[in-house]
Structure formats: structure tokens, C-alpha cells
Amino acid sequence: MEAGLAFYRDVIGFELDWRSDIPSDNDKAGAAVGLPGFEARMAMLKGPNISLELWQYSRPEPRDRRSNPADLGYPHMALAVEDIEAEHARLSEAGMTFVGPPVDFGQQKAIYGRDPFGNVIELLEEV
């Protein structure tokens, strides 16, 4: 959780709104998530026109479910940036890995990368 906060708050620029530890006896949380008896830590982050939840489950034991863009249900988010080359360099230094350099499509530039936890983030610049 602390590494996630450090990345999304300190590197990406989200602000921490609130955080919580969720014990296994929180029946309402279990009903809302569909995992009765789960235990987790969560943090709600805010950015311009977006909220981002970070979750760290301790029960049930998490599985590594990283996927690729061709998989059904593939999740990713796109972040609008003003200078994609500078953000590509800055985020690479901060621990993101990218599939390559930004690609120029004429009206847009874009590139996919993974945060330090394997989540896919697309950088997108309108040119």
C-alpha cells in the first residue's frame, strides 16, 4: 500500500482523500465487494475529475492476474499528458516500464506502460 501511495500520490500527482483498514467482520464491505470475510487496506485518491482506489487484500490470498491488451476484461487507464516524451522519461525513472517510446499518430501520441505493480497505464497526448 505504501509503495502504491508513493507512486500514485508522489509520482503521478493524485491526492490522498482517505484510507481505511477493512477487517474480515465487516459484513457490509464483504457484501458490497462480493467477498464475504475479506480483509484489506484501501486508499481513495483524487485527481482532476477522477477518483482512484488502491486496494491491498490480505484475505483471500491475492493471485497475480496481470493480463495483456488482447485479454477479455483487460483493464487499463489512460492519463492525458502535455509532453509525452518528458512524462515517458520521468515515469520510466520512477519505475514504470513501457512497451517502447511514444508513438505519433498525427493528432495524438500514445504509449502503454506498466506501473511498478503491473497495472497498465496509457499515456496520451493530444497534439
C-alpha atoms as a PDB file:
ATOM      1  CA  MET A   1       0.000   0.000   0.000  1.00  0.00           C
ATOM      2  CA  GLU A   2       2.760   2.434   0.895  1.00  0.00           C
ATOM      3  CA  ALA A   3       4.540   1.801  -2.412  1.00  0.00           C
ATOM      4  CA  GLY A   4       1.261   2.337  -4.269  1.00  0.00           C
ATOM      5  CA  LEU A   5       0.636   5.596  -2.455  1.00  0.00           C
ATOM      6  CA  ALA A   6       4.181   6.731  -3.127  1.00  0.00           C
ATOM      7  CA  PHE A   7       3.749   6.062  -6.853  1.00  0.00           C
ATOM      8  CA  TYR A   8       0.237   7.372  -7.464  1.00  0.00           C
ATOM      9  CA  ARG A   9       0.412  10.281  -4.999  1.00  0.00           C
ATOM     10  CA  ASP A  10       4.045  11.373  -5.210  1.00  0.00           C
ATOM     11  CA  VAL A  11       4.855  10.486  -8.828  1.00  0.00           C
ATOM     12  CA  ILE A  12       1.544  10.666 -10.719  1.00  0.00           C
ATOM     13  CA  GLY A  13       0.129  13.515  -8.609  1.00  0.00           C
ATOM     14  CA  PHE A  14      -3.095  12.191  -7.072  1.00  0.00           C
ATOM     15  CA  GLU A  15      -4.045  13.485  -3.616  1.00  0.00           C
ATOM     16  CA  LEU A  16      -4.866  11.132  -0.746  1.00  0.00           C
ATOM     17  CA  ASP A  17      -8.514  11.670   0.207  1.00  0.00           C
ATOM     18  CA  TRP A  18      -8.896   8.934   2.835  1.00  0.00           C
ATOM     19  CA  ARG A  19      -7.797   5.418   3.699  1.00  0.00           C
ATOM     20  CA  SER A  20      -9.157   2.511   5.692  1.00  0.00           C
ATOM     21  CA  ASP A  21      -8.347  -0.934   7.032  1.00  0.00           C
ATOM     22  CA  ILE A  22     -11.215  -3.346   6.409  1.00  0.00           C
ATOM     23  CA  PRO A  23     -11.482  -6.246   8.883  1.00  0.00           C
ATOM     24  CA  SER A  24     -12.981  -9.624   7.999  1.00  0.00           C
ATOM     25  CA  ASP A  25     -16.058  -8.995  10.166  1.00  0.00           C
ATOM     26  CA  ASN A  26     -17.182  -6.001   8.067  1.00  0.00           C
ATOM     27  CA  ASP A  27     -20.247  -7.694   6.572  1.00  0.00           C
ATOM     28  CA  LYS A  28     -21.329  -4.627   4.588  1.00  0.00           C
ATOM     29  CA  ALA A  29     -17.950  -4.329   2.862  1.00  0.00           C
ATOM     30  CA  GLY A  30     -17.990  -8.049   2.098  1.00  0.00           C
ATOM     31  CA  ALA A  31     -21.469  -7.732   0.581  1.00  0.00           C
ATOM     32  CA  ALA A  32     -20.504  -4.679  -1.489  1.00  0.00           C
ATOM     33  CA  VAL A  33     -17.363  -6.292  -2.916  1.00  0.00           C
ATOM     34  CA  GLY A  34     -18.806  -9.804  -3.196  1.00  0.00           C
ATOM     35  CA  LEU A  35     -16.118 -11.347  -0.980  1.00  0.00           C
ATOM     36  CA  PRO A  36     -17.612 -12.162   2.437  1.00  0.00           C
ATOM     37  CA  GLY A  37     -14.943 -12.215   5.147  1.00  0.00           C
ATOM     38  CA  PHE A  38     -12.249 -10.456   3.134  1.00  0.00           C
ATOM     39  CA  GLU A  39      -9.541  -8.334   4.764  1.00  0.00           C
ATOM     40  CA  ALA A  40      -7.879  -5.427   3.011  1.00  0.00           C
ATOM     41  CA  ARG A  41      -6.377  -1.999   3.210  1.00  0.00           C
ATOM     42  CA  MET A  42      -7.623   0.659   0.840  1.00  0.00           C
ATOM     43  CA  ALA A  43      -6.902   4.249  -0.036  1.00  0.00           C
ATOM     44  CA  MET A  44      -9.017   6.684  -2.030  1.00  0.00           C
ATOM     45  CA  LEU A  45      -7.035   9.100  -4.166  1.00  0.00           C
ATOM     46  CA  LYS A  46      -8.387  12.113  -6.032  1.00  0.00           C
ATOM     47  CA  GLY A  47      -7.263  13.812  -9.186  1.00  0.00           C
ATOM     48  CA  PRO A  48      -8.892  16.252 -11.578  1.00  0.00           C
ATOM     49  CA  ASN A  49     -12.270  14.692 -12.468  1.00  0.00           C
ATOM     50  CA  ILE A  50     -11.241  11.214 -11.251  1.00  0.00           C
ATOM     51  CA  SER A  51     -11.018   9.109  -8.129  1.00  0.00           C
ATOM     52  CA  LEU A  52      -8.664   6.153  -7.895  1.00  0.00           C
ATOM     53  CA  GLU A  53      -8.965   3.388  -5.295  1.00  0.00           C
ATOM     54  CA  LEU A  54      -5.917   1.407  -4.260  1.00  0.00           C
ATOM     55  CA  TRP A  55      -6.623  -1.956  -2.626  1.00  0.00           C
ATOM     56  CA  GLN A  56      -4.280  -4.381  -0.888  1.00  0.00           C
ATOM     57  CA  TYR A  57      -6.026  -7.638   0.056  1.00  0.00           C
ATOM     58  CA  SER A  58      -4.626  -9.926   2.725  1.00  0.00           C
ATOM     59  CA  ARG A  59      -7.603 -12.326   2.735  1.00  0.00           C
ATOM     60  CA  PRO A  60      -8.272 -14.098   0.460  1.00  0.00           C
ATOM     61  CA  GLU A  61      -4.681 -14.525  -0.651  1.00  0.00           C
ATOM     62  CA  PRO A  62      -4.191 -12.415  -3.793  1.00  0.00           C
ATOM     63  CA  ARG A  63      -3.249 -14.019  -7.106  1.00  0.00           C
ATOM     64  CA  ASP A  64      -1.130 -12.433  -9.820  1.00  0.00           C
ATOM     65  CA  ARG A  65      -3.656 -11.770 -12.596  1.00  0.00           C
ATOM     66  CA  ARG A  66      -1.663  -9.453 -14.862  1.00  0.00           C
ATOM     67  CA  SER A  67      -3.009  -9.590 -18.388  1.00  0.00           C
ATOM     68  CA  ASN A  68      -2.197  -8.262 -21.828  1.00  0.00           C
ATOM     69  CA  PRO A  69      -4.232  -5.991 -24.119  1.00  0.00           C
ATOM     70  CA  ALA A  70      -5.762  -8.921 -26.064  1.00  0.00           C
ATOM     71  CA  ASP A  71      -7.385 -10.500 -22.972  1.00  0.00           C
ATOM     72  CA  LEU A  72     -11.129 -10.186 -22.306  1.00  0.00           C
ATOM     73  CA  GLY A  73     -11.819  -7.874 -19.392  1.00  0.00           C
ATOM     74  CA  TYR A  74      -8.423  -6.250 -19.794  1.00  0.00           C
ATOM     75  CA  PRO A  75      -8.244  -3.189 -17.521  1.00  0.00           C
ATOM     76  CA  HIS A  76      -6.185  -0.085 -18.098  1.00  0.00           C
ATOM     77  CA  MET A  77      -6.433   3.649 -17.628  1.00  0.00           C
ATOM     78  CA  ALA A  78      -5.289   6.472 -19.845  1.00  0.00           C
ATOM     79  CA  LEU A  79      -3.707   9.627 -18.462  1.00  0.00           C
ATOM     80  CA  ALA A  80      -3.764  12.791 -20.553  1.00  0.00           C
ATOM     81  CA  VAL A  81      -0.341  14.436 -20.580  1.00  0.00           C
ATOM     82  CA  GLU A  82       1.005  17.626 -22.154  1.00  0.00           C
ATOM     83  CA  ASP A  83       4.531  16.434 -23.022  1.00  0.00           C
ATOM     84  CA  ILE A  84       4.509  12.680 -23.573  1.00  0.00           C
ATOM     85  CA  GLU A  85       8.254  12.398 -24.173  1.00  0.00           C
ATOM     86  CA  ALA A  86       9.032  14.148 -20.870  1.00  0.00           C
ATOM     87  CA  GLU A  87       6.436  12.082 -18.976  1.00  0.00           C
ATOM     88  CA  HIS A  88       7.740   8.873 -20.581  1.00  0.00           C
ATOM     89  CA  ALA A  89      11.246   9.701 -19.322  1.00  0.00           C
ATOM     90  CA  ARG A  90      10.064  10.834 -15.871  1.00  0.00           C
ATOM     91  CA  LEU A  91       7.821   7.812 -15.289  1.00  0.00           C
ATOM     92  CA  SER A  92      10.493   5.417 -16.569  1.00  0.00           C
ATOM     93  CA  GLU A  93      12.819   6.842 -13.914  1.00  0.00           C
ATOM     94  CA  ALA A  94      10.047   6.326 -11.324  1.00  0.00           C
ATOM     95  CA  GLY A  95       9.720   2.592 -12.064  1.00  0.00           C
ATOM     96  CA  MET A  96       7.253   2.304 -14.946  1.00  0.00           C
ATOM     97  CA  THR A  97       8.157   0.024 -17.829  1.00  0.00           C
ATOM     98  CA  PHE A  98       6.928   0.880 -21.319  1.00  0.00           C
ATOM     99  CA  VAL A  99       6.455  -1.203 -24.463  1.00  0.00           C
ATOM    100  CA  GLY A 100       8.644   1.304 -26.292  1.00  0.00           C
ATOM    101  CA  PRO A 101       8.875   5.022 -26.982  1.00  0.00           C
ATOM    102  CA  PRO A 102       5.748   7.149 -27.553  1.00  0.00           C
ATOM    103  CA  VAL A 103       4.086   6.647 -30.952  1.00  0.00           C
ATOM    104  CA  ASP A 104       2.987   9.661 -33.020  1.00  0.00           C
ATOM    105  CA  PHE A 105      -0.419   9.139 -34.696  1.00  0.00           C
ATOM    106  CA  GLY A 106      -0.585  12.686 -36.091  1.00  0.00           C
ATOM    107  CA  GLN A 107      -3.401  14.083 -33.922  1.00  0.00           C
ATOM    108  CA  GLN A 108      -2.283  12.126 -30.843  1.00  0.00           C
ATOM    109  CA  LYS A 109       0.761  10.495 -29.336  1.00  0.00           C
ATOM    110  CA  ALA A 110       0.355   7.437 -27.123  1.00  0.00           C
ATOM    111  CA  ILE A 111       2.210   4.636 -25.381  1.00  0.00           C
ATOM    112  CA  TYR A 112       1.297   1.814 -22.984  1.00  0.00           C
ATOM    113  CA  GLY A 113       3.308   1.079 -19.866  1.00  0.00           C
ATOM    114  CA  ARG A 114       3.031  -0.759 -16.576  1.00  0.00           C
ATOM    115  CA  ASP A 115       3.247   0.822 -13.154  1.00  0.00           C
ATOM    116  CA  PRO A 116       5.575  -0.811 -10.596  1.00  0.00           C
ATOM    117  CA  PHE A 117       2.750  -3.290  -9.736  1.00  0.00           C
ATOM    118  CA  GLY A 118       1.927  -4.434 -13.280  1.00  0.00           C
ATOM    119  CA  ASN A 119      -1.144  -2.239 -13.876  1.00  0.00           C
ATOM    120  CA  VAL A 120      -1.335  -0.847 -17.402  1.00  0.00           C
ATOM    121  CA  ILE A 121      -1.323   2.924 -17.836  1.00  0.00           C
ATOM    122  CA  GLU A 122      -1.604   4.566 -21.237  1.00  0.00           C
ATOM    123  CA  LEU A 123      -0.074   7.986 -21.708  1.00  0.00           C
ATOM    124  CA  LEU A 124      -1.992  10.054 -24.246  1.00  0.00           C
ATOM    125  CA  GLU A 125      -1.105  13.476 -25.641  1.00  0.00           C
ATOM    126  CA  GLU A 126      -3.376  15.464 -27.961  1.00  0.00           C
ATOM    127  CA  VAL A 127      -1.142  17.327 -30.399  1.00  0.00           C
END
